PDB file of all heavy atoms in Angstrom:
ATOM      1  N   PHE A   1      73.561  72.583 145.112  1.00  0.00           N
ATOM      2  CA  PHE A   1      73.204  71.123 145.190  1.00  0.00           C
ATOM      3  C   PHE A   1      72.780  70.673 143.829  1.00  0.00           C
ATOM      4  O   PHE A   1      73.197  69.614 143.413  1.00  0.00           O
ATOM      5  CB  PHE A   1      72.039  70.957 146.156  1.00  0.00           C
ATOM      6  CG  PHE A   1      71.165  69.750 145.839  1.00  0.00           C
ATOM      7  CD1 PHE A   1      71.657  68.462 146.089  1.00  0.00           C
ATOM      8  CD2 PHE A   1      69.902  69.893 145.249  1.00  0.00           C
ATOM      9  CE1 PHE A   1      70.902  67.345 145.727  1.00  0.00           C
ATOM     10  CE2 PHE A   1      69.149  68.758 144.932  1.00  0.00           C
ATOM     11  CZ  PHE A   1      69.653  67.516 145.177  1.00  0.00           C
ATOM     12  N   MET A   2      71.972  71.474 143.079  1.00  0.00           N
ATOM     13  CA  MET A   2      71.582  71.129 141.759  1.00  0.00           C
ATOM     14  C   MET A   2      72.708  70.917 140.800  1.00  0.00           C
ATOM     15  O   MET A   2      72.811  69.981 140.018  1.00  0.00           O
ATOM     16  CB  MET A   2      70.631  72.086 141.184  1.00  0.00           C
ATOM     17  CG  MET A   2      69.284  72.156 141.917  1.00  0.00           C
ATOM     18  SD  MET A   2      68.173  73.439 141.176  1.00  0.00           S
ATOM     19  CE  MET A   2      67.910  72.781 139.573  1.00  0.00           C
ATOM     20  N   LEU A   3      73.671  71.827 140.856  1.00  0.00           N
ATOM     21  CA  LEU A   3      74.825  71.828 139.929  1.00  0.00           C
ATOM     22  C   LEU A   3      75.908  70.755 140.308  1.00  0.00           C
ATOM     23  O   LEU A   3      76.395  70.030 139.455  1.00  0.00           O
ATOM     24  CB  LEU A   3      75.502  73.174 139.849  1.00  0.00           C
ATOM     25  CG  LEU A   3      74.718  74.355 139.345  1.00  0.00           C
ATOM     26  CD1 LEU A   3      75.483  75.622 139.320  1.00  0.00           C
ATOM     27  CD2 LEU A   3      74.199  74.041 137.917  1.00  0.00           C
ATOM     28  N   ASP A   4      76.258  70.744 141.622  1.00  0.00           N
ATOM     29  CA  ASP A   4      77.380  69.881 142.061  1.00  0.00           C
ATOM     30  C   ASP A   4      76.961  68.458 142.464  1.00  0.00           C
ATOM     31  O   ASP A   4      77.874  67.571 142.425  1.00  0.00           O
ATOM     32  CB  ASP A   4      78.112  70.548 143.213  1.00  0.00           C
ATOM     33  CG  ASP A   4      78.686  71.966 142.828  1.00  0.00           C
ATOM     34  OD1 ASP A   4      78.767  72.209 141.631  1.00  0.00           O
ATOM     35  OD2 ASP A   4      78.815  72.785 143.741  1.00  0.00           O
ATOM     36  N   GLU A   5      75.784  68.265 142.915  1.00  0.00           N
ATOM     37  CA  GLU A   5      75.402  66.957 143.395  1.00  0.00           C
ATOM     38  C   GLU A   5      74.356  66.271 142.522  1.00  0.00           C
ATOM     39  O   GLU A   5      74.458  65.057 142.319  1.00  0.00           O
ATOM     40  CB  GLU A   5      74.843  67.063 144.864  1.00  0.00           C
ATOM     41  CG  GLU A   5      75.864  67.689 145.838  1.00  0.00           C
ATOM     42  CD  GLU A   5      75.291  67.766 147.222  1.00  0.00           C
ATOM     43  OE1 GLU A   5      75.211  66.722 147.861  1.00  0.00           O
ATOM     44  OE2 GLU A   5      74.972  68.937 147.665  1.00  0.00           O
ATOM     45  N   LEU A   6      73.346  67.009 142.039  1.00  0.00           N
ATOM     46  CA  LEU A   6      72.327  66.350 141.255  1.00  0.00           C
ATOM     47  C   LEU A   6      72.720  66.170 139.774  1.00  0.00           C
ATOM     48  O   LEU A   6      72.552  65.031 139.194  1.00  0.00           O
ATOM     49  CB  LEU A   6      71.054  67.151 141.290  1.00  0.00           C
ATOM     50  CG  LEU A   6      69.874  66.678 140.412  1.00  0.00           C
ATOM     51  CD1 LEU A   6      69.535  65.234 140.773  1.00  0.00           C
ATOM     52  CD2 LEU A   6      68.694  67.605 140.589  1.00  0.00           C
ATOM     53  N   ARG A   7      73.370  67.156 139.166  1.00  0.00           N
ATOM     54  CA  ARG A   7      73.767  67.024 137.775  1.00  0.00           C
ATOM     55  C   ARG A   7      74.626  65.815 137.470  1.00  0.00           C
ATOM     56  O   ARG A   7      74.470  65.074 136.497  1.00  0.00           O
ATOM     57  CB  ARG A   7      74.431  68.298 137.273  1.00  0.00           C
ATOM     58  CG  ARG A   7      73.503  69.297 136.683  1.00  0.00           C
ATOM     59  CD  ARG A   7      74.219  70.354 135.874  1.00  0.00           C
ATOM     60  NE  ARG A   7      73.306  71.358 135.435  1.00  0.00           N
ATOM     61  CZ  ARG A   7      73.615  72.415 134.688  1.00  0.00           C
ATOM     62  NH1 ARG A   7      74.915  72.621 134.369  1.00  0.00           N
ATOM     63  NH2 ARG A   7      72.717  73.326 134.348  1.00  0.00           N
ATOM     64  N   PRO A   8      75.709  65.545 138.309  1.00  0.00           N
ATOM     65  CA  PRO A   8      76.510  64.392 138.048  1.00  0.00           C
ATOM     66  C   PRO A   8      75.700  63.047 138.054  1.00  0.00           C
ATOM     67  O   PRO A   8      75.984  62.116 137.329  1.00  0.00           O
ATOM     68  CB  PRO A   8      77.538  64.418 139.213  1.00  0.00           C
ATOM     69  CG  PRO A   8      77.606  65.833 139.546  1.00  0.00           C
ATOM     70  CD  PRO A   8      76.244  66.351 139.413  1.00  0.00           C
ATOM     71  N   VAL A   9      74.701  62.950 138.881  1.00  0.00           N
ATOM     72  CA  VAL A   9      73.831  61.783 138.982  1.00  0.00           C
ATOM     73  C   VAL A   9      73.105  61.609 137.622  1.00  0.00           C
ATOM     74  O   VAL A   9      73.016  60.516 137.046  1.00  0.00           O
ATOM     75  CB  VAL A   9      72.870  61.852 140.136  1.00  0.00           C
ATOM     76  CG1 VAL A   9      71.871  60.670 140.077  1.00  0.00           C
ATOM     77  CG2 VAL A   9      73.622  61.835 141.459  1.00  0.00           C
ATOM     78  N   ILE A  10      72.505  62.736 137.170  1.00  0.00           N
ATOM     79  CA  ILE A  10      71.737  62.668 135.892  1.00  0.00           C
ATOM     80  C   ILE A  10      72.710  62.392 134.759  1.00  0.00           C
ATOM     81  O   ILE A  10      72.407  61.602 133.838  1.00  0.00           O
ATOM     82  CB  ILE A  10      71.016  63.997 135.694  1.00  0.00           C
ATOM     83  CG1 ILE A  10      70.036  64.271 136.806  1.00  0.00           C
ATOM     84  CG2 ILE A  10      70.233  63.976 134.321  1.00  0.00           C
ATOM     85  CD1 ILE A  10      69.048  63.142 137.113  1.00  0.00           C
ATOM     86  N   ASP A  11      73.876  62.951 134.746  1.00  0.00           N
ATOM     87  CA  ASP A  11      74.899  62.743 133.672  1.00  0.00           C
ATOM     88  C   ASP A  11      75.274  61.268 133.622  1.00  0.00           C
ATOM     89  O   ASP A  11      75.599  60.715 132.542  1.00  0.00           O
ATOM     90  CB  ASP A  11      76.146  63.555 133.951  1.00  0.00           C
ATOM     91  CG  ASP A  11      75.911  65.084 133.732  1.00  0.00           C
ATOM     92  OD1 ASP A  11      74.828  65.451 133.229  1.00  0.00           O
ATOM     93  OD2 ASP A  11      76.818  65.859 134.082  1.00  0.00           O
ATOM     94  N   ALA A  12      75.265  60.544 134.745  1.00  0.00           N
ATOM     95  CA  ALA A  12      75.605  59.159 134.769  1.00  0.00           C
ATOM     96  C   ALA A  12      74.357  58.276 134.331  1.00  0.00           C
ATOM     97  O   ALA A  12      74.656  57.112 133.975  1.00  0.00           O
ATOM     98  CB  ALA A  12      76.027  58.764 136.188  1.00  0.00           C
ATOM     99  N   MET A  13      73.208  58.777 134.395  1.00  0.00           N
ATOM    100  CA  MET A  13      71.978  58.020 134.058  1.00  0.00           C
ATOM    101  C   MET A  13      71.741  57.995 132.603  1.00  0.00           C
ATOM    102  O   MET A  13      71.301  56.969 132.011  1.00  0.00           O
ATOM    103  CB  MET A  13      70.782  58.555 134.798  1.00  0.00           C
ATOM    104  CG  MET A  13      70.812  58.327 136.306  1.00  0.00           C
ATOM    105  SD  MET A  13      69.332  59.080 137.079  1.00  0.00           S
ATOM    106  CE  MET A  13      68.034  58.044 136.345  1.00  0.00           C
ATOM    107  N   VAL A  14      71.875  59.146 131.888  1.00  0.00           N
ATOM    108  CA  VAL A  14      71.559  59.340 130.487  1.00  0.00           C
ATOM    109  C   VAL A  14      72.632  60.085 129.759  1.00  0.00           C
ATOM    110  O   VAL A  14      73.467  60.766 130.426  1.00  0.00           O
ATOM    111  CB  VAL A  14      70.182  60.000 130.309  1.00  0.00           C
ATOM    112  CG1 VAL A  14      69.034  59.177 130.918  1.00  0.00           C
ATOM    113  CG2 VAL A  14      70.212  61.403 130.936  1.00  0.00           C
ATOM    114  N   LYS A  15      72.620  59.963 128.472  1.00  0.00           N
ATOM    115  CA  LYS A  15      73.535  60.806 127.660  1.00  0.00           C
ATOM    116  C   LYS A  15      72.954  62.230 127.625  1.00  0.00           C
ATOM    117  O   LYS A  15      71.880  62.493 127.055  1.00  0.00           O
ATOM    118  CB  LYS A  15      73.673  60.187 126.260  1.00  0.00           C
ATOM    119  CG  LYS A  15      74.641  60.933 125.366  1.00  0.00           C
ATOM    120  CD  LYS A  15      74.794  60.263 124.043  1.00  0.00           C
ATOM    121  CE  LYS A  15      75.807  60.985 123.182  1.00  0.00           C
ATOM    122  NZ  LYS A  15      75.949  60.337 121.786  1.00  0.00           N
ATOM    123  N   VAL A  16      73.758  63.158 128.114  1.00  0.00           N
ATOM    124  CA  VAL A  16      73.267  64.571 128.322  1.00  0.00           C
ATOM    125  C   VAL A  16      73.886  65.493 127.323  1.00  0.00           C
ATOM    126  O   VAL A  16      75.104  65.481 127.076  1.00  0.00           O
ATOM    127  CB  VAL A  16      73.566  65.039 129.737  1.00  0.00           C
ATOM    128  CG1 VAL A  16      73.223  66.517 129.933  1.00  0.00           C
ATOM    129  CG2 VAL A  16      72.832  64.184 130.771  1.00  0.00           C
ATOM    130  N   ASP A  17      73.043  66.345 126.733  1.00  0.00           N
ATOM    131  CA  ASP A  17      73.557  67.484 125.903  1.00  0.00           C
ATOM    132  C   ASP A  17      73.843  68.634 126.915  1.00  0.00           C
ATOM    133  O   ASP A  17      72.895  69.310 127.360  1.00  0.00           O
ATOM    134  CB  ASP A  17      72.482  67.866 124.906  1.00  0.00           C
ATOM    135  CG  ASP A  17      73.001  69.033 124.010  1.00  0.00           C
ATOM    136  OD1 ASP A  17      73.989  69.644 124.289  1.00  0.00           O
ATOM    137  OD2 ASP A  17      72.296  69.332 123.007  1.00  0.00           O
ATOM    138  N   LYS A  18      75.072  68.833 127.248  1.00  0.00           N
ATOM    139  CA  LYS A  18      75.383  69.803 128.228  1.00  0.00           C
ATOM    140  C   LYS A  18      75.111  71.224 127.825  1.00  0.00           C
ATOM    141  O   LYS A  18      75.043  72.137 128.648  1.00  0.00           O
ATOM    142  CB  LYS A  18      76.900  69.651 128.640  1.00  0.00           C
ATOM    143  CG  LYS A  18      77.146  68.319 129.300  1.00  0.00           C
ATOM    144  CD  LYS A  18      78.550  68.236 129.837  1.00  0.00           C
ATOM    145  CE  LYS A  18      78.859  66.850 130.404  1.00  0.00           C
ATOM    146  NZ  LYS A  18      78.083  66.580 131.576  1.00  0.00           N
ATOM    147  N   GLY A  19      74.900  71.443 126.493  1.00  0.00           N
ATOM    148  CA  GLY A  19      74.573  72.780 126.051  1.00  0.00           C
ATOM    149  C   GLY A  19      73.124  73.032 125.865  1.00  0.00           C
ATOM    150  O   GLY A  19      72.682  74.079 125.381  1.00  0.00           O
ATOM    151  N   ASP A  20      72.260  72.062 126.296  1.00  0.00           N
ATOM    152  CA  ASP A  20      70.794  72.184 126.174  1.00  0.00           C
ATOM    153  C   ASP A  20      70.132  71.759 127.474  1.00  0.00           C
ATOM    154  O   ASP A  20      69.486  70.747 127.463  1.00  0.00           O
ATOM    155  CB  ASP A  20      70.314  71.438 125.025  1.00  0.00           C
ATOM    156  CG  ASP A  20      68.837  71.860 124.585  1.00  0.00           C
ATOM    157  OD1 ASP A  20      68.291  72.673 125.260  1.00  0.00           O
ATOM    158  OD2 ASP A  20      68.378  71.327 123.627  1.00  0.00           O
ATOM    159  N   GLN A  21      70.382  72.515 128.528  1.00  0.00           N
ATOM    160  CA  GLN A  21      69.766  72.204 129.774  1.00  0.00           C
ATOM    161  C   GLN A  21      68.890  73.397 130.197  1.00  0.00           C
ATOM    162  O   GLN A  21      69.226  74.566 129.895  1.00  0.00           O
ATOM    163  CB  GLN A  21      70.833  71.954 130.897  1.00  0.00           C
ATOM    164  CG  GLN A  21      71.759  70.803 130.480  1.00  0.00           C
ATOM    165  CD  GLN A  21      72.576  70.223 131.612  1.00  0.00           C
ATOM    166  OE1 GLN A  21      71.988  69.842 132.664  1.00  0.00           O
ATOM    167  NE2 GLN A  21      73.876  70.192 131.456  1.00  0.00           N
ATOM    168  N   SER A  22      67.801  73.133 130.896  1.00  0.00           N
ATOM    169  CA  SER A  22      66.794  74.105 131.146  1.00  0.00           C
ATOM    170  C   SER A  22      66.356  74.079 132.614  1.00  0.00           C
ATOM    171  O   SER A  22      66.355  73.006 133.236  1.00  0.00           O
ATOM    172  CB  SER A  22      65.569  73.935 130.218  1.00  0.00           C
ATOM    173  OG  SER A  22      65.919  73.898 128.863  1.00  0.00           O
ATOM    174  N   LEU A  23      65.801  75.249 133.073  1.00  0.00           N
ATOM    175  CA  LEU A  23      65.365  75.337 134.467  1.00  0.00           C
ATOM    176  C   LEU A  23      63.916  75.932 134.412  1.00  0.00           C
ATOM    177  O   LEU A  23      63.657  76.873 133.673  1.00  0.00           O
ATOM    178  CB  LEU A  23      66.251  76.288 135.268  1.00  0.00           C
ATOM    179  CG  LEU A  23      65.753  76.596 136.677  1.00  0.00           C
ATOM    180  CD1 LEU A  23      65.735  75.324 137.543  1.00  0.00           C
ATOM    181  CD2 LEU A  23      66.693  77.688 137.322  1.00  0.00           C
ATOM    182  N   MET A  24      62.998  75.299 135.138  1.00  0.00           N
ATOM    183  CA  MET A  24      61.609  75.701 135.156  1.00  0.00           C
ATOM    184  C   MET A  24      61.172  75.855 136.635  1.00  0.00           C
ATOM    185  O   MET A  24      61.305  74.924 137.414  1.00  0.00           O
ATOM    186  CB  MET A  24      60.658  74.728 134.471  1.00  0.00           C
ATOM    187  CG  MET A  24      59.214  75.146 134.467  1.00  0.00           C
ATOM    188  SD  MET A  24      58.083  73.871 133.790  1.00  0.00           S
ATOM    189  CE  MET A  24      58.583  73.846 132.090  1.00  0.00           C
ATOM    190  N   GLY A  25      60.584  77.013 137.005  1.00  0.00           N
ATOM    191  CA  GLY A  25      60.099  77.191 138.303  1.00  0.00           C
ATOM    192  C   GLY A  25      58.824  78.040 138.294  1.00  0.00           C
ATOM    193  O   GLY A  25      58.664  78.881 137.433  1.00  0.00           O
TER     194      GLY A  25
END
């Protein structure tokens, strides 16, 4: 869900550096 459904939404909202993404849990 995070990769296939959420990421495209964020990519459409802001200019994304696809090589600088992080995960925190």
